[in-house]
């Protein structure tokens, strides 16, 4: 059987390594579901890179923007839980890292700038209780 994992795969390298070792020992194929890699535009970009049509690629700059948590009244969710799900960085940033690796191979170094726009959110939909 194959194992399909949703991202974030784990909240630490140690957890991900343990999962990898367990899957290998069990002889199962695993995959993390990054759907953007199957976009025809991304496929074309990868083909062009592999064919050398774009010359030597020396860096990758990406931005991943979502607006579903843009409203400060949106309630707290697992996406906010750094300890359990890696927080927004793991939820959204993982897409950029996966894209860079899909297009260009292993990443040698990362430089990033991030910020938390809404530091508090309602504990649940319509709640007056705030959660940080």
N, C-alpha and C. Protein backbone atom coordinates (compact mmCIF):
# COMPACT_ATOMS: atom_id res chain seq x y z
N UNK A 1 0.84 -1.19 0.00
CA UNK A 1 0.00 0.00 0.00
C UNK A 1 0.87 1.25 0.00
N UNK A 2 0.37 2.31 -0.56
CA UNK A 2 1.06 3.60 -0.55
C UNK A 2 0.50 4.45 0.58
N UNK A 3 1.32 5.38 1.06
CA UNK A 3 0.90 6.29 2.12
C UNK A 3 0.97 7.71 1.57
N UNK A 4 -0.17 8.38 1.58
CA UNK A 4 -0.28 9.76 1.10
C UNK A 4 -0.37 10.66 2.33
N UNK A 5 0.59 11.54 2.49
CA UNK A 5 0.62 12.44 3.66
C UNK A 5 0.25 13.85 3.24
N UNK A 6 -0.48 14.51 4.08
CA UNK A 6 -0.78 15.93 3.87
C UNK A 6 0.36 16.72 4.50
N UNK A 7 0.54 17.91 4.05
CA UNK A 7 1.57 18.75 4.65
C UNK A 7 0.96 19.57 5.78
N UNK A 8 1.75 20.01 6.71
CA UNK A 8 3.17 19.72 6.83
C UNK A 8 3.40 18.27 7.24
N UNK A 9 4.41 17.66 6.67
CA UNK A 9 4.69 16.26 6.92
C UNK A 9 4.97 16.01 8.40
N UNK A 10 5.74 16.88 9.00
CA UNK A 10 6.12 16.76 10.42
C UNK A 10 6.51 18.14 10.92
N UNK A 11 6.66 18.28 12.22
CA UNK A 11 7.07 19.58 12.75
C UNK A 11 8.55 19.63 13.07
N UNK A 12 9.26 18.56 12.79
CA UNK A 12 10.72 18.56 12.98
C UNK A 12 11.35 17.60 11.98
N UNK A 13 12.62 17.81 11.72
CA UNK A 13 13.36 16.90 10.85
C UNK A 13 13.41 15.51 11.46
N UNK A 14 13.54 15.44 12.79
CA UNK A 14 13.59 14.14 13.47
C UNK A 14 12.29 13.35 13.24
N UNK A 15 11.15 14.03 13.32
CA UNK A 15 9.87 13.35 13.07
C UNK A 15 9.77 12.87 11.62
N UNK A 16 10.17 13.73 10.69
CA UNK A 16 10.11 13.36 9.28
C UNK A 16 11.05 12.19 8.99
N UNK A 17 12.24 12.22 9.58
CA UNK A 17 13.19 11.12 9.40
C UNK A 17 12.64 9.80 9.94
N UNK A 18 11.98 9.87 11.09
CA UNK A 18 11.38 8.67 11.67
C UNK A 18 10.30 8.11 10.75
N UNK A 19 9.50 8.99 10.16
CA UNK A 19 8.47 8.55 9.23
C UNK A 19 9.10 7.91 7.99
N UNK A 20 10.17 8.53 7.49
CA UNK A 20 10.86 7.99 6.31
C UNK A 20 11.42 6.61 6.59
N UNK A 21 12.08 6.47 7.73
CA UNK A 21 12.65 5.16 8.10
C UNK A 21 11.56 4.10 8.26
N UNK A 22 10.46 4.47 8.89
CA UNK A 22 9.36 3.52 9.09
C UNK A 22 8.76 3.07 7.76
N UNK A 23 8.57 4.02 6.85
CA UNK A 23 8.02 3.69 5.53
C UNK A 23 8.97 2.78 4.77
N UNK A 24 10.26 3.09 4.83
CA UNK A 24 11.25 2.27 4.14
C UNK A 24 11.27 0.86 4.71
N UNK A 25 11.24 0.75 6.04
CA UNK A 25 11.24 -0.56 6.69
C UNK A 25 9.99 -1.37 6.34
N UNK A 26 8.88 -0.68 6.16
CA UNK A 26 7.63 -1.36 5.82
C UNK A 26 7.49 -1.62 4.32
N UNK A 27 8.41 -1.04 3.53
CA UNK A 27 8.37 -1.23 2.09
C UNK A 27 7.22 -0.52 1.40
N UNK A 28 6.80 0.62 1.94
CA UNK A 28 5.70 1.36 1.33
C UNK A 28 6.19 2.62 0.64
N UNK A 29 5.50 2.99 -0.41
CA UNK A 29 5.78 4.23 -1.14
C UNK A 29 5.03 5.35 -0.42
N UNK A 30 5.68 6.50 -0.28
CA UNK A 30 5.04 7.64 0.37
C UNK A 30 5.10 8.86 -0.54
N UNK A 31 4.19 9.79 -0.27
CA UNK A 31 4.16 11.04 -1.03
C UNK A 31 3.46 12.09 -0.19
N UNK A 32 3.97 13.32 -0.30
CA UNK A 32 3.29 14.47 0.30
C UNK A 32 2.54 15.16 -0.83
N UNK A 33 1.31 15.53 -0.59
CA UNK A 33 0.45 16.07 -1.64
C UNK A 33 0.65 17.55 -1.93
N UNK A 34 1.60 17.87 -2.78
CA UNK A 34 1.77 19.25 -3.23
C UNK A 34 1.15 19.36 -4.62
N UNK A 35 -0.08 19.79 -4.67
CA UNK A 35 -0.83 19.80 -5.92
C UNK A 35 -0.30 20.79 -6.95
N UNK A 36 0.38 21.85 -6.54
CA UNK A 36 0.84 22.86 -7.49
C UNK A 36 1.87 22.30 -8.47
N UNK A 37 2.56 21.25 -8.09
CA UNK A 37 3.57 20.66 -8.97
C UNK A 37 2.94 20.03 -10.21
N UNK A 38 1.64 19.79 -10.17
CA UNK A 38 0.97 19.16 -11.29
C UNK A 38 0.28 20.17 -12.21
N UNK A 39 0.51 21.45 -11.96
CA UNK A 39 -0.03 22.50 -12.81
C UNK A 39 0.74 22.47 -14.14
N UNK A 40 0.04 22.52 -15.27
CA UNK A 40 0.72 22.47 -16.57
C UNK A 40 1.79 23.55 -16.74
N UNK A 41 1.57 24.72 -16.19
CA UNK A 41 2.55 25.80 -16.29
C UNK A 41 3.85 25.41 -15.59
N UNK A 42 3.73 24.76 -14.43
CA UNK A 42 4.92 24.34 -13.69
C UNK A 42 5.63 23.22 -14.44
N UNK A 43 4.85 22.32 -15.05
CA UNK A 43 5.45 21.26 -15.86
C UNK A 43 6.26 21.82 -17.01
N UNK A 44 5.72 22.84 -17.67
CA UNK A 44 6.43 23.48 -18.77
C UNK A 44 7.71 24.14 -18.27
N UNK A 45 7.63 24.84 -17.15
CA UNK A 45 8.82 25.48 -16.58
C UNK A 45 9.90 24.45 -16.28
N UNK A 46 9.50 23.33 -15.70
CA UNK A 46 10.47 22.28 -15.38
C UNK A 46 11.11 21.72 -16.65
N UNK A 47 10.30 21.48 -17.67
CA UNK A 47 10.83 20.99 -18.95
C UNK A 47 11.84 21.97 -19.53
N UNK A 48 11.52 23.26 -19.48
CA UNK A 48 12.42 24.28 -20.02
C UNK A 48 13.73 24.34 -19.23
N UNK A 49 13.63 24.23 -17.91
CA UNK A 49 14.83 24.24 -17.07
C UNK A 49 15.69 23.02 -17.38
N UNK A 50 15.08 21.84 -17.42
CA UNK A 50 15.82 20.61 -17.67
C UNK A 50 16.45 20.59 -19.06
N UNK A 51 15.81 21.25 -20.03
CA UNK A 51 16.35 21.31 -21.40
C UNK A 51 17.43 22.39 -21.54
N UNK A 52 17.65 23.18 -20.50
CA UNK A 52 18.66 24.23 -20.56
C UNK A 52 18.20 25.47 -21.30
N UNK A 53 16.92 25.58 -21.59
CA UNK A 53 16.41 26.71 -22.36
C UNK A 53 16.48 28.03 -21.60
N UNK A 54 16.62 27.98 -20.29
CA UNK A 54 16.66 29.21 -19.49
C UNK A 54 18.06 29.52 -18.98
N UNK A 55 19.04 28.78 -19.45
CA UNK A 55 20.41 28.98 -18.99
C UNK A 55 20.60 28.40 -17.60
N UNK A 56 21.70 28.80 -16.97
CA UNK A 56 22.00 28.30 -15.62
C UNK A 56 21.14 29.04 -14.60
N UNK A 57 20.40 28.30 -13.82
CA UNK A 57 19.57 28.89 -12.77
C UNK A 57 20.43 29.00 -11.52
N UNK A 58 20.61 30.21 -11.02
CA UNK A 58 21.49 30.41 -9.86
C UNK A 58 20.74 30.77 -8.59
N UNK A 59 19.46 31.11 -8.73
CA UNK A 59 18.68 31.41 -7.53
C UNK A 59 17.19 31.23 -7.83
N UNK A 60 16.44 31.16 -6.78
CA UNK A 60 14.98 31.01 -6.87
C UNK A 60 14.38 31.98 -5.87
N UNK A 61 13.46 32.79 -6.34
CA UNK A 61 12.74 33.70 -5.45
C UNK A 61 11.26 33.42 -5.62
N UNK A 62 10.58 33.21 -4.52
CA UNK A 62 9.17 32.88 -4.62
C UNK A 62 8.35 33.59 -3.58
N UNK A 63 7.08 33.69 -3.86
CA UNK A 63 6.12 34.26 -2.91
C UNK A 63 4.87 33.40 -2.97
N UNK A 64 4.36 33.05 -1.82
CA UNK A 64 3.14 32.26 -1.76
C UNK A 64 2.15 33.06 -0.93
N UNK A 65 1.11 33.54 -1.56
CA UNK A 65 0.13 34.39 -0.88
C UNK A 65 -1.23 33.72 -0.87
N UNK A 66 -1.86 33.73 0.28
CA UNK A 66 -3.23 33.22 0.44
C UNK A 66 -4.00 34.27 1.23
N UNK A 67 -5.28 34.41 0.93
CA UNK A 67 -6.06 35.41 1.66
C UNK A 67 -7.11 34.81 2.58
N UNK A 68 -7.14 33.48 2.71
CA UNK A 68 -8.20 32.87 3.51
C UNK A 68 -8.08 33.18 5.00
N UNK A 69 -6.92 33.60 5.47
CA UNK A 69 -6.76 34.01 6.86
C UNK A 69 -6.51 35.53 6.94
N UNK A 70 -6.77 36.24 5.86
CA UNK A 70 -6.53 37.67 5.82
C UNK A 70 -7.46 38.48 6.69
N UNK A 71 -8.64 37.96 6.94
CA UNK A 71 -9.61 38.65 7.78
C UNK A 71 -9.27 38.39 9.25
N UNK A 72 -9.00 39.44 10.04
CA UNK A 72 -8.65 39.23 11.45
C UNK A 72 -9.77 38.59 12.26
N UNK A 73 -10.99 38.59 11.74
CA UNK A 73 -12.11 37.95 12.44
C UNK A 73 -12.18 36.44 12.16
N UNK A 74 -11.36 35.96 11.22
CA UNK A 74 -11.32 34.51 10.97
C UNK A 74 -10.83 33.82 12.23
N UNK A 75 -11.50 32.74 12.64
CA UNK A 75 -11.14 32.10 13.90
C UNK A 75 -9.81 31.34 13.85
N UNK A 76 -9.27 31.13 15.02
CA UNK A 76 -8.06 30.34 15.22
C UNK A 76 -8.26 28.97 14.59
N UNK A 77 -7.24 28.43 13.95
CA UNK A 77 -7.34 27.09 13.37
C UNK A 77 -6.00 26.38 13.53
N UNK A 78 -5.95 25.16 13.09
CA UNK A 78 -4.70 24.40 13.16
C UNK A 78 -3.57 25.11 12.43
N UNK A 79 -3.90 25.94 11.45
CA UNK A 79 -2.87 26.65 10.71
C UNK A 79 -2.08 27.62 11.59
N UNK A 80 -2.64 27.98 12.72
CA UNK A 80 -2.00 28.90 13.66
C UNK A 80 -1.15 28.17 14.69
N UNK A 81 -1.23 26.87 14.75
CA UNK A 81 -0.59 26.06 15.79
C UNK A 81 0.83 25.67 15.40
N UNK A 82 1.80 26.49 15.76
CA UNK A 82 3.19 26.17 15.43
C UNK A 82 3.64 24.86 16.07
N UNK A 83 3.20 24.60 17.29
CA UNK A 83 3.65 23.40 18.01
C UNK A 83 3.07 22.12 17.43
N UNK A 84 1.88 22.18 16.84
CA UNK A 84 1.24 20.97 16.34
C UNK A 84 1.27 20.83 14.83
N UNK A 85 1.28 21.91 14.12
CA UNK A 85 1.22 21.82 12.66
C UNK A 85 2.30 22.64 11.98
N UNK A 86 3.20 23.24 12.75
CA UNK A 86 4.25 24.03 12.15
C UNK A 86 3.85 25.47 11.89
N UNK A 87 2.59 25.81 12.15
CA UNK A 87 2.11 27.17 11.96
C UNK A 87 2.00 27.54 10.49
N UNK A 88 1.78 28.81 10.26
CA UNK A 88 1.59 29.30 8.89
C UNK A 88 2.82 29.08 8.02
N UNK A 89 4.00 29.18 8.63
CA UNK A 89 5.22 28.99 7.84
C UNK A 89 5.29 27.58 7.25
N UNK A 90 4.98 26.58 8.04
CA UNK A 90 4.98 25.20 7.53
C UNK A 90 3.82 24.99 6.57
N UNK A 91 2.68 25.58 6.88
CA UNK A 91 1.49 25.42 6.04
C UNK A 91 1.70 26.02 4.65
N UNK A 92 2.20 27.23 4.60
CA UNK A 92 2.34 27.93 3.32
C UNK A 92 3.77 27.89 2.77
N UNK A 93 4.74 28.07 3.65
CA UNK A 93 6.14 28.07 3.21
C UNK A 93 6.57 26.75 2.61
N UNK A 94 5.96 25.68 3.06
CA UNK A 94 6.32 24.36 2.54
C UNK A 94 6.02 24.27 1.04
N UNK A 95 5.02 25.00 0.57
CA UNK A 95 4.71 25.00 -0.87
C UNK A 95 5.86 25.59 -1.67
N UNK A 96 6.44 26.69 -1.17
CA UNK A 96 7.56 27.32 -1.89
C UNK A 96 8.78 26.41 -1.92
N UNK A 97 9.09 25.82 -0.79
CA UNK A 97 10.25 24.94 -0.74
C UNK A 97 10.05 23.73 -1.65
N UNK A 98 8.86 23.16 -1.62
CA UNK A 98 8.56 22.01 -2.50
C UNK A 98 8.68 22.42 -3.97
N UNK A 99 8.21 23.62 -4.29
CA UNK A 99 8.27 24.09 -5.68
C UNK A 99 9.73 24.28 -6.12
N UNK A 100 10.53 24.90 -5.25
CA UNK A 100 11.94 25.11 -5.58
C UNK A 100 12.63 23.77 -5.82
N UNK A 101 12.38 22.80 -4.96
CA UNK A 101 13.00 21.47 -5.10
C UNK A 101 12.49 20.76 -6.35
N UNK A 102 11.21 20.90 -6.64
CA UNK A 102 10.63 20.26 -7.83
C UNK A 102 11.27 20.81 -9.11
N UNK A 103 11.47 22.11 -9.14
CA UNK A 103 12.01 22.74 -10.34
C UNK A 103 13.52 22.63 -10.44
N UNK A 104 14.22 22.75 -9.31
CA UNK A 104 15.67 22.93 -9.36
C UNK A 104 16.49 21.89 -8.61
N UNK A 105 15.85 21.02 -7.85
CA UNK A 105 16.61 20.04 -7.08
C UNK A 105 16.82 20.51 -5.64
N UNK A 106 17.76 19.88 -4.96
CA UNK A 106 17.99 20.19 -3.56
C UNK A 106 18.38 21.66 -3.36
N UNK A 107 17.94 22.21 -2.25
CA UNK A 107 18.19 23.61 -1.90
C UNK A 107 19.44 23.68 -1.04
N UNK A 108 20.36 24.59 -1.37
CA UNK A 108 21.60 24.72 -0.62
C UNK A 108 21.46 25.68 0.56
N UNK A 109 20.70 26.73 0.41
CA UNK A 109 20.56 27.73 1.47
C UNK A 109 19.22 28.45 1.30
N UNK A 110 18.72 28.97 2.40
CA UNK A 110 17.45 29.70 2.39
C UNK A 110 17.63 31.02 3.12
N UNK A 111 17.09 32.07 2.55
CA UNK A 111 17.02 33.38 3.20
C UNK A 111 15.56 33.79 3.13
N UNK A 112 14.97 34.13 4.26
CA UNK A 112 13.54 34.43 4.26
C UNK A 112 13.23 35.63 5.13
N UNK A 113 12.12 36.26 4.83
CA UNK A 113 11.59 37.36 5.62
C UNK A 113 10.12 37.03 5.86
N UNK A 114 9.73 36.97 7.12
CA UNK A 114 8.33 36.65 7.42
C UNK A 114 7.85 37.51 8.58
N UNK A 115 6.54 37.64 8.66
CA UNK A 115 5.95 38.39 9.77
C UNK A 115 4.55 37.85 10.03
N UNK A 116 4.08 38.06 11.24
CA UNK A 116 2.73 37.68 11.61
C UNK A 116 1.88 38.94 11.60
N UNK A 117 0.91 39.00 10.73
CA UNK A 117 0.08 40.19 10.57
C UNK A 117 -0.98 40.27 11.67
N UNK A 118 -1.68 39.18 11.89
CA UNK A 118 -2.74 39.15 12.91
C UNK A 118 -2.25 38.26 14.05
N UNK A 119 -1.84 38.88 15.15
CA UNK A 119 -1.25 38.13 16.26
C UNK A 119 -2.30 37.48 17.15
N UNK A 120 -3.53 37.92 17.08
CA UNK A 120 -4.62 37.33 17.85
C UNK A 120 -5.79 37.04 16.92
N UNK A 121 -6.53 36.00 17.26
CA UNK A 121 -7.72 35.63 16.49
C UNK A 121 -8.79 35.16 17.46
N UNK A 122 -10.06 35.26 17.05
CA UNK A 122 -11.13 34.70 17.90
C UNK A 122 -10.88 33.20 18.11
N UNK A 123 -11.15 32.73 19.32
CA UNK A 123 -10.93 31.32 19.64
C UNK A 123 -11.80 30.41 18.77
N UNK A 124 -12.98 30.87 18.41
CA UNK A 124 -13.88 30.12 17.52
C UNK A 124 -14.75 31.13 16.79
N UNK A 125 -15.47 30.69 15.80
CA UNK A 125 -16.32 31.57 15.00
C UNK A 125 -17.32 32.30 15.90
N UNK A 126 -17.29 33.63 15.86
CA UNK A 126 -18.21 34.45 16.64
C UNK A 126 -17.82 34.65 18.10
N UNK A 127 -16.73 34.04 18.52
CA UNK A 127 -16.30 34.14 19.92
C UNK A 127 -15.70 35.51 20.23
N UNK A 128 -15.92 35.99 21.44
CA UNK A 128 -15.29 37.22 21.91
C UNK A 128 -13.93 36.92 22.55
N UNK A 129 -13.71 35.66 22.87
CA UNK A 129 -12.44 35.25 23.46
C UNK A 129 -11.37 35.22 22.37
N UNK A 130 -10.25 35.87 22.64
CA UNK A 130 -9.17 35.93 21.67
C UNK A 130 -8.07 34.94 22.04
N UNK A 131 -7.39 34.47 21.03
CA UNK A 131 -6.30 33.52 21.21
C UNK A 131 -5.07 34.04 20.50
N UNK A 132 -3.92 33.91 21.13
CA UNK A 132 -2.67 34.39 20.51
C UNK A 132 -1.79 33.22 20.15
